[in-house]
């Protein structure tokens, strides 16, 4: 009986979960994994894990680069 009470007390101490609010302080810090196509392969995909903030920054930089290309091509007269 004594051993069972020791085990029970150890389990109760170990099962004290942290509040959910503590884990969700920064939503950009959450890890997100995506499957990305491998260049040069028709079927191969690779798993890439980054934080939400890193994925957002990558998307924003890609959109900015595309916007710069469009703006540059619009500013030049056609045929040049």
PDB file of N, CA and C in Angstrom:
ATOM      1  N   UNK A   1       0.826  -1.196   0.000  1.00  0.00           N
ATOM      2  CA  UNK A   1       0.000   0.000   0.000  1.00  0.00           C
ATOM      3  C   UNK A   1       0.869   1.258   0.000  1.00  0.00           C
ATOM      4  N   UNK A   2       1.984   1.194   0.741  1.00  0.00           N
ATOM      5  CA  UNK A   2       2.890   2.331   0.827  1.00  0.00           C
ATOM      6  C   UNK A   2       3.500   2.649  -0.535  1.00  0.00           C
ATOM      7  N   UNK A   3       3.877   1.617  -1.276  1.00  0.00           N
ATOM      8  CA  UNK A   3       4.468   1.801  -2.601  1.00  0.00           C
ATOM      9  C   UNK A   3       3.444   2.412  -3.556  1.00  0.00           C
ATOM     10  N   UNK A   4       2.210   1.986  -3.469  1.00  0.00           N
ATOM     11  CA  UNK A   4       1.164   2.528  -4.334  1.00  0.00           C
ATOM     12  C   UNK A   4       0.937   4.004  -4.060  1.00  0.00           C
ATOM     13  N   UNK A   5       1.009   4.422  -2.804  1.00  0.00           N
ATOM     14  CA  UNK A   5       0.812   5.834  -2.494  1.00  0.00           C
ATOM     15  C   UNK A   5       1.988   6.680  -2.984  1.00  0.00           C
ATOM     16  N   UNK A   6       3.199   6.133  -2.951  1.00  0.00           N
ATOM     17  CA  UNK A   6       4.365   6.852  -3.471  1.00  0.00           C
ATOM     18  C   UNK A   6       4.238   7.023  -4.985  1.00  0.00           C
ATOM     19  N   UNK A   7       3.845   5.956  -5.660  1.00  0.00           N
ATOM     20  CA  UNK A   7       3.683   6.017  -7.117  1.00  0.00           C
ATOM     21  C   UNK A   7       2.579   6.997  -7.484  1.00  0.00           C
ATOM     22  N   UNK A   8       1.474   6.952  -6.742  1.00  0.00           N
ATOM     23  CA  UNK A   8       0.357   7.860  -7.022  1.00  0.00           C
ATOM     24  C   UNK A   8       0.770   9.312  -6.816  1.00  0.00           C
ATOM     25  N   UNK A   9       1.488   9.602  -5.739  1.00  0.00           N
ATOM     26  CA  UNK A   9       1.921  10.984  -5.503  1.00  0.00           C
ATOM     27  C   UNK A   9       2.906  11.450  -6.574  1.00  0.00           C
ATOM     28  N   UNK A  10       3.781  10.547  -7.048  1.00  0.00           N
ATOM     29  CA  UNK A  10       4.731  10.902  -8.113  1.00  0.00           C
ATOM     30  C   UNK A  10       3.993  11.201  -9.412  1.00  0.00           C
ATOM     31  N   UNK A  11       2.981  10.402  -9.711  1.00  0.00           N
ATOM     32  CA  UNK A  11       2.199  10.633 -10.928  1.00  0.00           C
ATOM     33  C   UNK A  11       1.429  11.944 -10.855  1.00  0.00           C
ATOM     34  N   UNK A  12       0.874  12.252  -9.707  1.00  0.00           N
ATOM     35  CA  UNK A  12       0.126  13.497  -9.560  1.00  0.00           C
ATOM     36  C   UNK A  12       1.034  14.716  -9.679  1.00  0.00           C
ATOM     37  N   UNK A  13       2.245  14.620  -9.161  1.00  0.00           N
ATOM     38  CA  UNK A  13       3.185  15.735  -9.277  1.00  0.00           C
ATOM     39  C   UNK A  13       3.647  15.901 -10.714  1.00  0.00           C
ATOM     40  N   UNK A  14       3.843  14.797 -11.423  1.00  0.00           N
ATOM     41  CA  UNK A  14       4.337  14.858 -12.796  1.00  0.00           C
ATOM     42  C   UNK A  14       3.254  15.305 -13.764  1.00  0.00           C
ATOM     43  N   UNK A  15       1.989  15.142 -13.403  1.00  0.00           N
ATOM     44  CA  UNK A  15       0.914  15.466 -14.339  1.00  0.00           C
ATOM     45  C   UNK A  15       0.354  16.868 -14.131  1.00  0.00           C
ATOM     46  N   UNK A  16       1.106  17.764 -13.513  1.00  0.00           N
ATOM     47  CA  UNK A  16       0.663  19.154 -13.381  1.00  0.00           C
ATOM     48  C   UNK A  16       0.918  19.875 -14.694  1.00  0.00           C
ATOM     49  N   UNK A  17      -0.088  19.982 -15.553  1.00  0.00           N
ATOM     50  CA  UNK A  17       0.139  20.635 -16.845  1.00  0.00           C
ATOM     51  C   UNK A  17       0.241  22.151 -16.695  1.00  0.00           C
ATOM     52  N   UNK A  18       1.025  22.753 -17.577  1.00  0.00           N
ATOM     53  CA  UNK A  18       1.123  24.205 -17.608  1.00  0.00           C
ATOM     54  C   UNK A  18      -0.156  24.757 -18.224  1.00  0.00           C
ATOM     55  N   UNK A  19      -0.602  25.923 -17.807  1.00  0.00           N
ATOM     56  CA  UNK A  19      -1.788  26.524 -18.429  1.00  0.00           C
ATOM     57  C   UNK A  19      -1.567  26.744 -19.921  1.00  0.00           C
ATOM     58  N   UNK A  20      -2.630  26.619 -20.692  1.00  0.00           N
ATOM     59  CA  UNK A  20      -2.550  26.758 -22.140  1.00  0.00           C
ATOM     60  C   UNK A  20      -2.126  28.171 -22.527  1.00  0.00           C
ATOM     61  N   UNK A  21      -2.486  29.161 -21.752  1.00  0.00           N
ATOM     62  CA  UNK A  21      -2.151  30.553 -22.074  1.00  0.00           C
ATOM     63  C   UNK A  21      -0.648  30.775 -22.088  1.00  0.00           C
ATOM     64  N   UNK A  22       0.108  30.053 -21.260  1.00  0.00           N
ATOM     65  CA  UNK A  22       1.560  30.207 -21.236  1.00  0.00           C
ATOM     66  C   UNK A  22       2.200  29.743 -22.538  1.00  0.00           C
ATOM     67  N   UNK A  23       1.667  28.688 -23.130  1.00  0.00           N
ATOM     68  CA  UNK A  23       2.237  28.150 -24.364  1.00  0.00           C
ATOM     69  C   UNK A  23       1.913  29.030 -25.564  1.00  0.00           C
ATOM     70  N   UNK A  24       0.848  29.780 -25.511  1.00  0.00           N
ATOM     71  CA  UNK A  24       0.396  30.557 -26.657  1.00  0.00           C
ATOM     72  C   UNK A  24       0.739  32.044 -26.520  1.00  0.00           C
ATOM     73  N   UNK A  25       1.811  32.372 -25.817  1.00  0.00           N
ATOM     74  CA  UNK A  25       2.174  33.777 -25.663  1.00  0.00           C
ATOM     75  C   UNK A  25       2.521  34.410 -27.005  1.00  0.00           C
ATOM     76  N   UNK A  26       3.315  33.709 -27.805  1.00  0.00           N
ATOM     77  CA  UNK A  26       3.735  34.239 -29.080  1.00  0.00           C
ATOM     78  C   UNK A  26       3.315  33.265 -30.181  1.00  0.00           C
ATOM     79  N   UNK A  27       2.252  33.578 -30.926  1.00  0.00           N
ATOM     80  CA  UNK A  27       1.808  32.639 -31.962  1.00  0.00           C
ATOM     81  C   UNK A  27       2.823  32.477 -33.094  1.00  0.00           C
ATOM     82  N   UNK A  28       3.726  33.451 -33.276  1.00  0.00           N
ATOM     83  CA  UNK A  28       4.742  33.328 -34.316  1.00  0.00           C
ATOM     84  C   UNK A  28       5.821  32.315 -33.951  1.00  0.00           C
ATOM     85  N   UNK A  29       5.896  31.898 -32.698  1.00  0.00           N
ATOM     86  CA  UNK A  29       6.919  30.954 -32.262  1.00  0.00           C
ATOM     87  C   UNK A  29       6.482  29.502 -32.455  1.00  0.00           C
ATOM     88  N   UNK A  30       5.244  29.279 -32.840  1.00  0.00           N
ATOM     89  CA  UNK A  30       4.747  27.920 -33.025  1.00  0.00           C
ATOM     90  C   UNK A  30       5.375  27.295 -34.268  1.00  0.00           C
ATOM     91  N   UNK A  31       5.856  26.067 -34.135  1.00  0.00           N
ATOM     92  CA  UNK A  31       6.475  25.367 -35.264  1.00  0.00           C
ATOM     93  C   UNK A  31       5.401  24.808 -36.187  1.00  0.00           C
ATOM     94  N   UNK A  32       5.615  24.992 -37.492  1.00  0.00           N
ATOM     95  CA  UNK A  32       4.704  24.487 -38.508  1.00  0.00           C
ATOM     96  C   UNK A  32       5.547  23.759 -39.546  1.00  0.00           C
ATOM     97  N   UNK A  33       5.159  22.533 -39.875  1.00  0.00           N
ATOM     98  CA  UNK A  33       5.878  21.748 -40.878  1.00  0.00           C
ATOM     99  C   UNK A  33       5.041  21.681 -42.151  1.00  0.00           C
ATOM    100  N   UNK A  34       5.728  21.822 -43.276  1.00  0.00           N
ATOM    101  CA  UNK A  34       5.063  21.746 -44.583  1.00  0.00           C
ATOM    102  C   UNK A  34       5.841  20.804 -45.476  1.00  0.00           C
ATOM    103  N   UNK A  35       5.141  20.228 -46.433  1.00  0.00           N
ATOM    104  CA  UNK A  35       5.793  19.377 -47.427  1.00  0.00           C
ATOM    105  C   UNK A  35       6.043  20.233 -48.662  1.00  0.00           C
ATOM    106  N   UNK A  36       7.306  20.310 -49.057  1.00  0.00           N
ATOM    107  CA  UNK A  36       7.728  21.183 -50.148  1.00  0.00           C
ATOM    108  C   UNK A  36       8.238  20.328 -51.299  1.00  0.00           C
ATOM    109  N   UNK A  37       7.836  20.662 -52.530  1.00  0.00           N
ATOM    110  CA  UNK A  37       8.311  19.940 -53.708  1.00  0.00           C
ATOM    111  C   UNK A  37       9.819  20.115 -53.863  1.00  0.00           C
ATOM    112  N   UNK A  38      10.497  19.031 -54.251  1.00  0.00           N
ATOM    113  CA  UNK A  38      11.930  19.075 -54.492  1.00  0.00           C
ATOM    114  C   UNK A  38      12.150  19.412 -55.959  1.00  0.00           C
ATOM    115  N   UNK A  39      12.955  20.423 -56.224  1.00  0.00           N
ATOM    116  CA  UNK A  39      13.233  20.837 -57.595  1.00  0.00           C
ATOM    117  C   UNK A  39      13.956  19.708 -58.338  1.00  0.00           C
ATOM    118  N   UNK A  40      13.468  19.407 -59.545  1.00  0.00           N
ATOM    119  CA  UNK A  40      14.076  18.366 -60.362  1.00  0.00           C
ATOM    120  C   UNK A  40      13.454  17.002 -60.170  1.00  0.00           C
ATOM    121  N   UNK A  41      12.467  16.885 -59.320  1.00  0.00           N
ATOM    122  CA  UNK A  41      11.809  15.607 -59.100  1.00  0.00           C
ATOM    123  C   UNK A  41      10.306  15.780 -59.268  1.00  0.00           C
ATOM    124  N   UNK A  42       9.692  14.795 -59.889  1.00  0.00           N
ATOM    125  CA  UNK A  42       8.246  14.860 -60.092  1.00  0.00           C
ATOM    126  C   UNK A  42       7.467  14.384 -58.871  1.00  0.00           C
ATOM    127  N   UNK A  43       8.055  13.508 -58.085  1.00  0.00           N
ATOM    128  CA  UNK A  43       7.307  12.906 -56.988  1.00  0.00           C
ATOM    129  C   UNK A  43       7.872  13.200 -55.607  1.00  0.00           C
ATOM    130  N   UNK A  44       9.116  13.561 -55.515  1.00  0.00           N
ATOM    131  CA  UNK A  44       9.747  13.719 -54.203  1.00  0.00           C
ATOM    132  C   UNK A  44       9.315  15.013 -53.530  1.00  0.00           C
ATOM    133  N   UNK A  45       9.020  14.887 -52.252  1.00  0.00           N
ATOM    134  CA  UNK A  45       8.680  16.050 -51.429  1.00  0.00           C
ATOM    135  C   UNK A  45       9.528  15.991 -50.178  1.00  0.00           C
ATOM    136  N   UNK A  46       9.821  17.155 -49.637  1.00  0.00           N
ATOM    137  CA  UNK A  46      10.652  17.247 -48.454  1.00  0.00           C
ATOM    138  C   UNK A  46       9.873  17.948 -47.354  1.00  0.00           C
ATOM    139  N   UNK A  47      10.060  17.509 -46.130  1.00  0.00           N
ATOM    140  CA  UNK A  47       9.379  18.128 -44.991  1.00  0.00           C
ATOM    141  C   UNK A  47      10.269  19.238 -44.449  1.00  0.00           C
ATOM    142  N   UNK A  48       9.701  20.460 -44.386  1.00  0.00           N
ATOM    143  CA  UNK A  48      10.426  21.621 -43.887  1.00  0.00           C
ATOM    144  C   UNK A  48       9.661  22.188 -42.702  1.00  0.00           C
ATOM    145  N   UNK A  49      10.362  22.358 -41.584  1.00  0.00           N
ATOM    146  CA  UNK A  49       9.733  22.889 -40.373  1.00  0.00           C
ATOM    147  C   UNK A  49      10.322  24.255 -40.048  1.00  0.00           C
ATOM    148  N   UNK A  50       9.464  25.229 -39.869  1.00  0.00           N
ATOM    149  CA  UNK A  50       9.841  26.592 -39.496  1.00  0.00           C
ATOM    150  C   UNK A  50       8.770  27.143 -38.569  1.00  0.00           C
ATOM    151  N   UNK A  51       9.071  28.243 -37.914  1.00  0.00           N
ATOM    152  CA  UNK A  51       8.053  28.875 -37.077  1.00  0.00           C
ATOM    153  C   UNK A  51       7.083  29.632 -37.973  1.00  0.00           C
ATOM    154  N   UNK A  52       5.912  29.957 -37.424  1.00  0.00           N
ATOM    155  CA  UNK A  52       4.933  30.724 -38.203  1.00  0.00           C
ATOM    156  C   UNK A  52       5.512  32.066 -38.647  1.00  0.00           C
ATOM    157  N   UNK A  53       6.298  32.701 -37.802  1.00  0.00           N
ATOM    158  CA  UNK A  53       6.926  33.978 -38.150  1.00  0.00           C
ATOM    159  C   UNK A  53       7.878  33.834 -39.320  1.00  0.00           C
ATOM    160  N   UNK A  54       8.668  32.744 -39.338  1.00  0.00           N
ATOM    161  CA  UNK A  54       9.596  32.522 -40.458  1.00  0.00           C
ATOM    162  C   UNK A  54       8.842  32.279 -41.760  1.00  0.00           C
ATOM    163  N   UNK A  55       7.763  31.475 -41.711  1.00  0.00           N
ATOM    164  CA  UNK A  55       6.956  31.246 -42.922  1.00  0.00           C
ATOM    165  C   UNK A  55       6.369  32.563 -43.425  1.00  0.00           C
ATOM    166  N   UNK A  56       5.892  33.409 -42.506  1.00  0.00           N
ATOM    167  CA  UNK A  56       5.305  34.692 -42.892  1.00  0.00           C
ATOM    168  C   UNK A  56       6.356  35.598 -43.533  1.00  0.00           C
ATOM    169  N   UNK A  57       7.556  35.645 -42.945  1.00  0.00           N
ATOM    170  CA  UNK A  57       8.624  36.483 -43.513  1.00  0.00           C
ATOM    171  C   UNK A  57       9.044  35.991 -44.887  1.00  0.00           C
ATOM    172  N   UNK A  58       9.107  34.665 -45.096  1.00  0.00           N
ATOM    173  CA  UNK A  58       9.441  34.121 -46.410  1.00  0.00           C
ATOM    174  C   UNK A  58       8.388  34.504 -47.448  1.00  0.00           C
ATOM    175  N   UNK A  59       7.130  34.389 -47.081  1.00  0.00           N
ATOM    176  CA  UNK A  59       6.054  34.752 -48.009  1.00  0.00           C
ATOM    177  C   UNK A  59       6.092  36.246 -48.323  1.00  0.00           C
ATOM    178  N   UNK A  60       6.318  37.064 -47.296  1.00  0.00           N
ATOM    179  CA  UNK A  60       6.369  38.511 -47.511  1.00  0.00           C
ATOM    180  C   UNK A  60       7.543  38.905 -48.401  1.00  0.00           C
ATOM    181  N   UNK A  61       8.701  38.278 -48.205  1.00  0.00           N
ATOM    182  CA  UNK A  61       9.860  38.629 -49.036  1.00  0.00           C
ATOM    183  C   UNK A  61       9.649  38.167 -50.481  1.00  0.00           C
ATOM    184  N   UNK A  62       9.017  36.998 -50.662  1.00  0.00           N
ATOM    185  CA  UNK A  62       8.709  36.538 -52.024  1.00  0.00           C
ATOM    186  C   UNK A  62       7.717  37.450 -52.713  1.00  0.00           C
ATOM    187  N   UNK A  63       6.701  37.908 -51.983  1.00  0.00           N
ATOM    188  CA  UNK A  63       5.721  38.825 -52.557  1.00  0.00           C
ATOM    189  C   UNK A  63       6.368  40.167 -52.888  1.00  0.00           C
ATOM    190  N   UNK A  64       7.272  40.630 -52.040  1.00  0.00           N
ATOM    191  CA  UNK A  64       7.950  41.905 -52.300  1.00  0.00           C
ATOM    192  C   UNK A  64       8.824  41.803 -53.541  1.00  0.00           C
ATOM    193  N   UNK A  65       9.519  40.683 -53.710  1.00  0.00           N
ATOM    194  CA  UNK A  65      10.368  40.492 -54.897  1.00  0.00           C
ATOM    195  C   UNK A  65       9.516  40.477 -56.169  1.00  0.00           C
ATOM    196  N   UNK A  66       8.387  39.786 -56.133  1.00  0.00           N
ATOM    197  CA  UNK A  66       7.501  39.739 -57.295  1.00  0.00           C
ATOM    198  C   UNK A  66       6.946  41.125 -57.606  1.00  0.00           C
ATOM    199  N   UNK A  67       6.594  41.879 -56.569  1.00  0.00           N
ATOM    200  CA  UNK A  67       6.086  43.241 -56.758  1.00  0.00           C
ATOM    201  C   UNK A  67       7.148  44.140 -57.380  1.00  0.00           C
ATOM    202  N   UNK A  68       8.400  43.990 -56.948  1.00  0.00           N
ATOM    203  CA  UNK A  68       9.499  44.779 -57.513  1.00  0.00           C
ATOM    204  C   UNK A  68       9.701  44.475 -58.992  1.00  0.00           C
ATOM    205  N   UNK A  69       9.610  43.202 -59.360  1.00  0.00           N
ATOM    206  CA  UNK A  69       9.773  42.819 -60.769  1.00  0.00           C
ATOM    207  C   UNK A  69       8.665  43.432 -61.617  1.00  0.00           C
ATOM    208  N   UNK A  70       7.430  43.369 -61.137  1.00  0.00           N
ATOM    209  CA  UNK A  70       6.298  43.936 -61.881  1.00  0.00           C
ATOM    210  C   UNK A  70       6.440  45.449 -62.001  1.00  0.00           C
ATOM    211  N   UNK A  71       6.805  46.106 -60.915  1.00  0.00           N
ATOM    212  CA  UNK A  71       6.968  47.560 -60.956  1.00  0.00           C
ATOM    213  C   UNK A  71       8.088  47.967 -61.906  1.00  0.00           C
ATOM    214  N   UNK A  72       9.190  47.204 -61.916  1.00  0.00           N
ATOM    215  CA  UNK A  72      10.297  47.509 -62.806  1.00  0.00           C
ATOM    216  C   UNK A  72       9.877  47.347 -64.263  1.00  0.00           C
ATOM    217  N   UNK A  73       9.121  46.295 -64.568  1.00  0.00           N
ATOM    218  CA  UNK A  73       8.723  46.067 -65.958  1.00  0.00           C
ATOM    219  C   UNK A  73       7.687  47.084 -66.416  1.00  0.00           C
ATOM    220  N   UNK A  74       6.902  47.631 -65.517  1.00  0.00           N
ATOM    221  CA  UNK A  74       5.906  48.627 -65.886  1.00  0.00           C
ATOM    222  C   UNK A  74       6.554  49.997 -66.128  1.00  0.00           C
ATOM    223  N   UNK A  75       7.664  50.254 -65.475  1.00  0.00           N
ATOM    224  CA  UNK A  75       8.269  51.584 -65.571  1.00  0.00           C
ATOM    225  C   UNK A  75       9.056  51.768 -66.872  1.00  0.00           C
ATOM    226  N   UNK A  76       9.377  50.679 -67.563  1.00  0.00           N
ATOM    227  CA  UNK A  76      10.156  50.779 -68.801  1.00  0.00           C
ATOM    228  C   UNK A  76       9.225  50.805 -70.001  1.00  0.00           C
ATOM    229  N   UNK A  77       9.562  51.565 -71.022  1.00  0.00           N
ATOM    230  CA  UNK A  77       8.761  51.519 -72.249  1.00  0.00           C
ATOM    231  C   UNK A  77       8.878  50.138 -72.911  1.00  0.00           C
ATOM    232  N   UNK A  78       7.842  49.740 -73.626  1.00  0.00           N
ATOM    233  CA  UNK A  78       7.872  48.408 -74.237  1.00  0.00           C
ATOM    234  C   UNK A  78       8.936  48.366 -75.313  1.00  0.00           C
ATOM    235  N   UNK A  79       9.518  47.191 -75.490  1.00  0.00           N
ATOM    236  CA  UNK A  79      10.554  46.994 -76.501  1.00  0.00           C
ATOM    237  C   UNK A  79      11.954  47.303 -76.001  1.00  0.00           C
ATOM    238  N   UNK A  80      12.118  47.631 -74.747  1.00  0.00           N
ATOM    239  CA  UNK A  80      13.472  47.916 -74.237  1.00  0.00           C
ATOM    240  C   UNK A  80      13.866  46.953 -73.184  1.00  0.00           C
TER     241      UNK A  80
END
